[in-house]
Amino acid sequence: MAVAISHSGSGALDLFLSGSGPTLLTICGSGDINIYVEQDCTGLVTLNLQGTGEVTIYVPMGQEPPQIIGDGEYTLVYYNPEDEIDGADKDES
């Protein structure tokens, strides 16, 4: 799957990744984006960071981080999947 994402608004855009297929996300724009890699996300994830916004990538401990290409700014955060992530407003309904 290949997806282009552009976010230039205020506030952060939250994206949750899961599944087993390869994924290419091209991210552009000036808005901040949080990417949550779910524990069941076993496919190769590549992030092409082209924007000027801050991208924060949350990866379960023990799991490989996404491949990062492009020249955008990012922060990689490892988390314990048993703990809740601060700021993640995931709707389970």
N, C-alpha and C. Protein backbone atom coordinates (compact mmCIF):
# COMPACT_ATOMS: atom_id res chain seq x y z
N MET A 1 0.85 -1.16 0.00
CA MET A 1 0.00 0.00 0.00
C MET A 1 0.90 1.23 0.00
N ALA A 2 0.58 2.21 -0.82
CA ALA A 2 1.29 3.48 -0.85
C ALA A 2 0.28 4.60 -0.63
N VAL A 3 0.59 5.48 0.32
CA VAL A 3 -0.34 6.56 0.69
C VAL A 3 0.45 7.86 0.82
N ALA A 4 -0.10 8.93 0.27
CA ALA A 4 0.48 10.27 0.45
C ALA A 4 -0.38 11.01 1.47
N ILE A 5 0.28 11.62 2.45
CA ILE A 5 -0.42 12.32 3.52
C ILE A 5 0.10 13.75 3.59
N SER A 6 -0.80 14.70 3.59
CA SER A 6 -0.42 16.10 3.74
C SER A 6 -1.24 16.68 4.88
N HIS A 7 -0.55 17.29 5.84
CA HIS A 7 -1.23 17.90 6.99
C HIS A 7 -0.57 19.23 7.27
N SER A 8 -1.32 20.29 7.11
CA SER A 8 -0.77 21.63 7.34
C SER A 8 -1.57 22.39 8.39
N GLY A 9 -2.48 21.73 9.06
CA GLY A 9 -3.32 22.39 10.05
C GLY A 9 -2.65 22.48 11.41
N SER A 10 -3.34 23.15 12.32
CA SER A 10 -2.86 23.20 13.70
C SER A 10 -3.26 21.90 14.39
N GLY A 11 -2.59 21.58 15.45
CA GLY A 11 -2.85 20.32 16.13
C GLY A 11 -2.14 19.19 15.41
N ALA A 12 -2.15 18.02 16.02
CA ALA A 12 -1.45 16.87 15.45
C ALA A 12 -2.44 15.90 14.82
N LEU A 13 -2.02 15.28 13.73
CA LEU A 13 -2.79 14.24 13.07
C LEU A 13 -2.27 12.90 13.58
N ASP A 14 -3.15 12.03 14.09
CA ASP A 14 -2.77 10.72 14.61
C ASP A 14 -3.07 9.65 13.57
N LEU A 15 -2.07 8.82 13.26
CA LEU A 15 -2.24 7.70 12.33
C LEU A 15 -1.87 6.41 13.05
N PHE A 16 -2.68 5.37 12.89
CA PHE A 16 -2.43 4.08 13.52
C PHE A 16 -2.19 3.05 12.42
N LEU A 17 -1.04 2.37 12.46
CA LEU A 17 -0.68 1.39 11.44
C LEU A 17 -0.77 -0.02 11.99
N SER A 18 -1.43 -0.91 11.24
CA SER A 18 -1.48 -2.32 11.62
C SER A 18 -1.57 -3.14 10.34
N GLY A 19 -1.38 -4.45 10.46
CA GLY A 19 -1.49 -5.33 9.30
C GLY A 19 -0.15 -5.89 8.89
N SER A 20 -0.17 -6.72 7.84
CA SER A 20 1.04 -7.45 7.47
C SER A 20 1.61 -7.06 6.11
N GLY A 21 0.94 -6.23 5.36
CA GLY A 21 1.45 -5.87 4.04
C GLY A 21 2.46 -4.75 4.10
N PRO A 22 3.31 -4.63 3.08
CA PRO A 22 4.27 -3.52 3.04
C PRO A 22 3.52 -2.19 2.86
N THR A 23 4.03 -1.15 3.50
CA THR A 23 3.38 0.16 3.49
C THR A 23 4.41 1.24 3.21
N LEU A 24 4.10 2.14 2.29
CA LEU A 24 4.91 3.32 2.04
C LEU A 24 4.04 4.54 2.30
N LEU A 25 4.44 5.35 3.28
CA LEU A 25 3.73 6.59 3.58
C LEU A 25 4.63 7.76 3.19
N THR A 26 4.15 8.61 2.30
CA THR A 26 4.85 9.84 1.96
C THR A 26 4.15 10.96 2.71
N ILE A 27 4.91 11.66 3.55
CA ILE A 27 4.33 12.65 4.45
C ILE A 27 4.88 14.02 4.10
N CYS A 28 3.96 14.96 3.84
CA CYS A 28 4.38 16.32 3.53
C CYS A 28 3.45 17.30 4.25
N GLY A 29 3.80 18.56 4.22
CA GLY A 29 3.02 19.57 4.91
C GLY A 29 3.76 20.09 6.13
N SER A 30 3.17 21.08 6.77
CA SER A 30 3.83 21.72 7.91
C SER A 30 3.22 21.32 9.25
N GLY A 31 2.17 20.51 9.25
CA GLY A 31 1.53 20.09 10.50
C GLY A 31 2.25 18.92 11.15
N ASP A 32 2.06 18.78 12.45
CA ASP A 32 2.67 17.68 13.20
C ASP A 32 1.85 16.41 13.04
N ILE A 33 2.55 15.27 12.95
CA ILE A 33 1.90 13.97 12.75
C ILE A 33 2.46 12.97 13.75
N ASN A 34 1.57 12.22 14.41
CA ASN A 34 1.95 11.11 15.29
C ASN A 34 1.61 9.82 14.57
N ILE A 35 2.59 8.92 14.44
CA ILE A 35 2.36 7.63 13.79
C ILE A 35 2.54 6.55 14.85
N TYR A 36 1.49 5.78 15.08
CA TYR A 36 1.51 4.71 16.07
C TYR A 36 1.59 3.38 15.33
N VAL A 37 2.71 2.68 15.45
CA VAL A 37 2.88 1.37 14.85
C VAL A 37 2.31 0.37 15.85
N GLU A 38 1.23 -0.29 15.47
CA GLU A 38 0.59 -1.26 16.37
C GLU A 38 1.45 -2.52 16.49
N GLN A 39 1.24 -3.27 17.54
CA GLN A 39 2.01 -4.48 17.79
C GLN A 39 1.79 -5.52 16.68
N ASP A 40 0.61 -5.52 16.05
CA ASP A 40 0.33 -6.49 14.99
C ASP A 40 0.76 -6.00 13.60
N CYS A 41 1.47 -4.89 13.55
CA CYS A 41 1.97 -4.36 12.28
C CYS A 41 3.28 -5.08 11.95
N THR A 42 3.19 -6.12 11.13
CA THR A 42 4.36 -6.96 10.86
C THR A 42 4.94 -6.74 9.47
N GLY A 43 4.30 -5.93 8.64
CA GLY A 43 4.82 -5.65 7.31
C GLY A 43 5.90 -4.59 7.34
N LEU A 44 6.67 -4.52 6.26
CA LEU A 44 7.70 -3.49 6.13
C LEU A 44 7.03 -2.13 6.00
N VAL A 45 7.41 -1.18 6.85
CA VAL A 45 6.87 0.17 6.81
C VAL A 45 8.00 1.12 6.43
N THR A 46 7.77 1.90 5.38
CA THR A 46 8.73 2.91 4.95
C THR A 46 8.06 4.27 5.02
N LEU A 47 8.73 5.22 5.66
CA LEU A 47 8.21 6.58 5.79
C LEU A 47 9.09 7.51 4.97
N ASN A 48 8.49 8.20 4.01
CA ASN A 48 9.19 9.19 3.20
C ASN A 48 8.80 10.56 3.75
N LEU A 49 9.67 11.14 4.55
CA LEU A 49 9.36 12.39 5.26
C LEU A 49 9.82 13.59 4.44
N GLN A 50 8.86 14.34 3.90
CA GLN A 50 9.16 15.47 3.03
C GLN A 50 8.70 16.81 3.60
N GLY A 51 7.91 16.80 4.64
CA GLY A 51 7.34 18.03 5.17
C GLY A 51 8.24 18.74 6.16
N THR A 52 7.73 19.86 6.67
CA THR A 52 8.46 20.63 7.67
C THR A 52 7.90 20.44 9.07
N GLY A 53 6.79 19.71 9.20
CA GLY A 53 6.22 19.43 10.53
C GLY A 53 7.00 18.34 11.24
N GLU A 54 6.85 18.27 12.55
CA GLU A 54 7.50 17.23 13.36
C GLU A 54 6.69 15.95 13.27
N VAL A 55 7.36 14.84 12.95
CA VAL A 55 6.72 13.53 12.90
C VAL A 55 7.24 12.72 14.09
N THR A 56 6.33 12.22 14.92
CA THR A 56 6.69 11.37 16.05
C THR A 56 6.20 9.97 15.75
N ILE A 57 7.11 9.00 15.82
CA ILE A 57 6.80 7.61 15.48
C ILE A 57 6.89 6.77 16.74
N TYR A 58 5.79 6.12 17.11
CA TYR A 58 5.72 5.27 18.29
C TYR A 58 5.80 3.81 17.85
N VAL A 59 6.80 3.08 18.37
CA VAL A 59 7.06 1.70 17.97
C VAL A 59 7.06 0.82 19.22
N PRO A 60 6.39 -0.34 19.19
CA PRO A 60 6.43 -1.25 20.34
C PRO A 60 7.87 -1.71 20.61
N MET A 61 8.24 -1.79 21.89
CA MET A 61 9.57 -2.30 22.25
C MET A 61 9.77 -3.68 21.65
N GLY A 62 10.96 -3.93 21.11
CA GLY A 62 11.28 -5.22 20.52
C GLY A 62 10.91 -5.34 19.06
N GLN A 63 10.26 -4.35 18.51
CA GLN A 63 9.85 -4.38 17.11
C GLN A 63 10.77 -3.47 16.29
N GLU A 64 11.04 -3.86 15.05
CA GLU A 64 11.87 -3.05 14.17
C GLU A 64 11.17 -1.72 13.86
N PRO A 65 11.92 -0.62 13.88
CA PRO A 65 11.32 0.66 13.51
C PRO A 65 11.11 0.74 12.00
N PRO A 66 10.27 1.66 11.54
CA PRO A 66 10.09 1.84 10.10
C PRO A 66 11.39 2.32 9.45
N GLN A 67 11.52 2.06 8.16
CA GLN A 67 12.62 2.65 7.40
C GLN A 67 12.27 4.11 7.16
N ILE A 68 13.23 5.00 7.36
CA ILE A 68 13.00 6.43 7.20
C ILE A 68 13.81 6.92 6.00
N ILE A 69 13.12 7.55 5.05
CA ILE A 69 13.80 8.21 3.94
C ILE A 69 13.29 9.64 3.88
N GLY A 70 13.94 10.48 3.12
CA GLY A 70 13.55 11.88 3.05
C GLY A 70 14.30 12.69 4.09
N ASP A 71 14.03 13.98 4.12
CA ASP A 71 14.80 14.86 5.00
C ASP A 71 13.95 15.56 6.06
N GLY A 72 12.76 15.05 6.33
CA GLY A 72 11.91 15.64 7.35
C GLY A 72 12.38 15.30 8.76
N GLU A 73 11.95 16.12 9.72
CA GLU A 73 12.30 15.89 11.13
C GLU A 73 11.41 14.81 11.73
N TYR A 74 12.01 13.96 12.57
CA TYR A 74 11.22 12.94 13.24
C TYR A 74 11.83 12.59 14.59
N THR A 75 10.98 12.03 15.44
CA THR A 75 11.38 11.51 16.74
C THR A 75 10.87 10.09 16.83
N LEU A 76 11.72 9.17 17.25
CA LEU A 76 11.34 7.76 17.38
C LEU A 76 11.19 7.45 18.86
N VAL A 77 10.00 6.94 19.26
CA VAL A 77 9.71 6.63 20.66
C VAL A 77 9.33 5.15 20.75
N TYR A 78 10.05 4.40 21.58
CA TYR A 78 9.68 3.00 21.83
C TYR A 78 8.77 2.97 23.04
N TYR A 79 7.71 2.15 22.97
CA TYR A 79 6.77 2.06 24.07
C TYR A 79 6.47 0.61 24.41
N ASN A 80 6.02 0.40 25.64
CA ASN A 80 5.58 -0.92 26.09
C ASN A 80 4.13 -1.08 25.64
N PRO A 81 3.83 -2.09 24.79
CA PRO A 81 2.46 -2.25 24.29
C PRO A 81 1.42 -2.48 25.38
N GLU A 82 1.86 -2.88 26.56
CA GLU A 82 0.93 -3.10 27.67
C GLU A 82 0.50 -1.78 28.32
N ASP A 83 1.28 -0.72 28.10
CA ASP A 83 0.97 0.59 28.69
C ASP A 83 0.22 1.44 27.68
N GLU A 84 -0.60 2.36 28.19
CA GLU A 84 -1.28 3.31 27.33
C GLU A 84 -0.29 4.39 26.92
N ILE A 85 -0.42 4.86 25.69
CA ILE A 85 0.45 5.93 25.21
C ILE A 85 -0.22 7.26 25.52
N ASP A 86 0.52 8.16 26.18
CA ASP A 86 -0.02 9.48 26.48
C ASP A 86 -0.33 10.21 25.18
N GLY A 87 -1.51 10.78 25.10
CA GLY A 87 -1.89 11.57 23.94
C GLY A 87 -2.58 10.80 22.84
N ALA A 88 -2.58 9.48 22.91
CA ALA A 88 -3.21 8.69 21.84
C ALA A 88 -4.70 8.58 22.11
N ASP A 89 -5.49 9.15 21.24
CA ASP A 89 -6.95 9.11 21.38
C ASP A 89 -7.52 8.13 20.36
N LYS A 90 -7.25 6.86 20.54
CA LYS A 90 -7.73 5.85 19.60
C LYS A 90 -9.14 5.44 19.97
N ASP A 91 -10.03 5.48 19.00
CA ASP A 91 -11.41 5.09 19.19
C ASP A 91 -11.54 3.60 18.93
N GLU A 92 -11.87 2.83 19.93
CA GLU A 92 -11.98 1.37 19.82
C GLU A 92 -13.37 0.91 19.39
N SER A 93 -14.29 1.84 19.09
CA SER A 93 -15.65 1.44 18.72
C SER A 93 -15.75 1.01 17.27
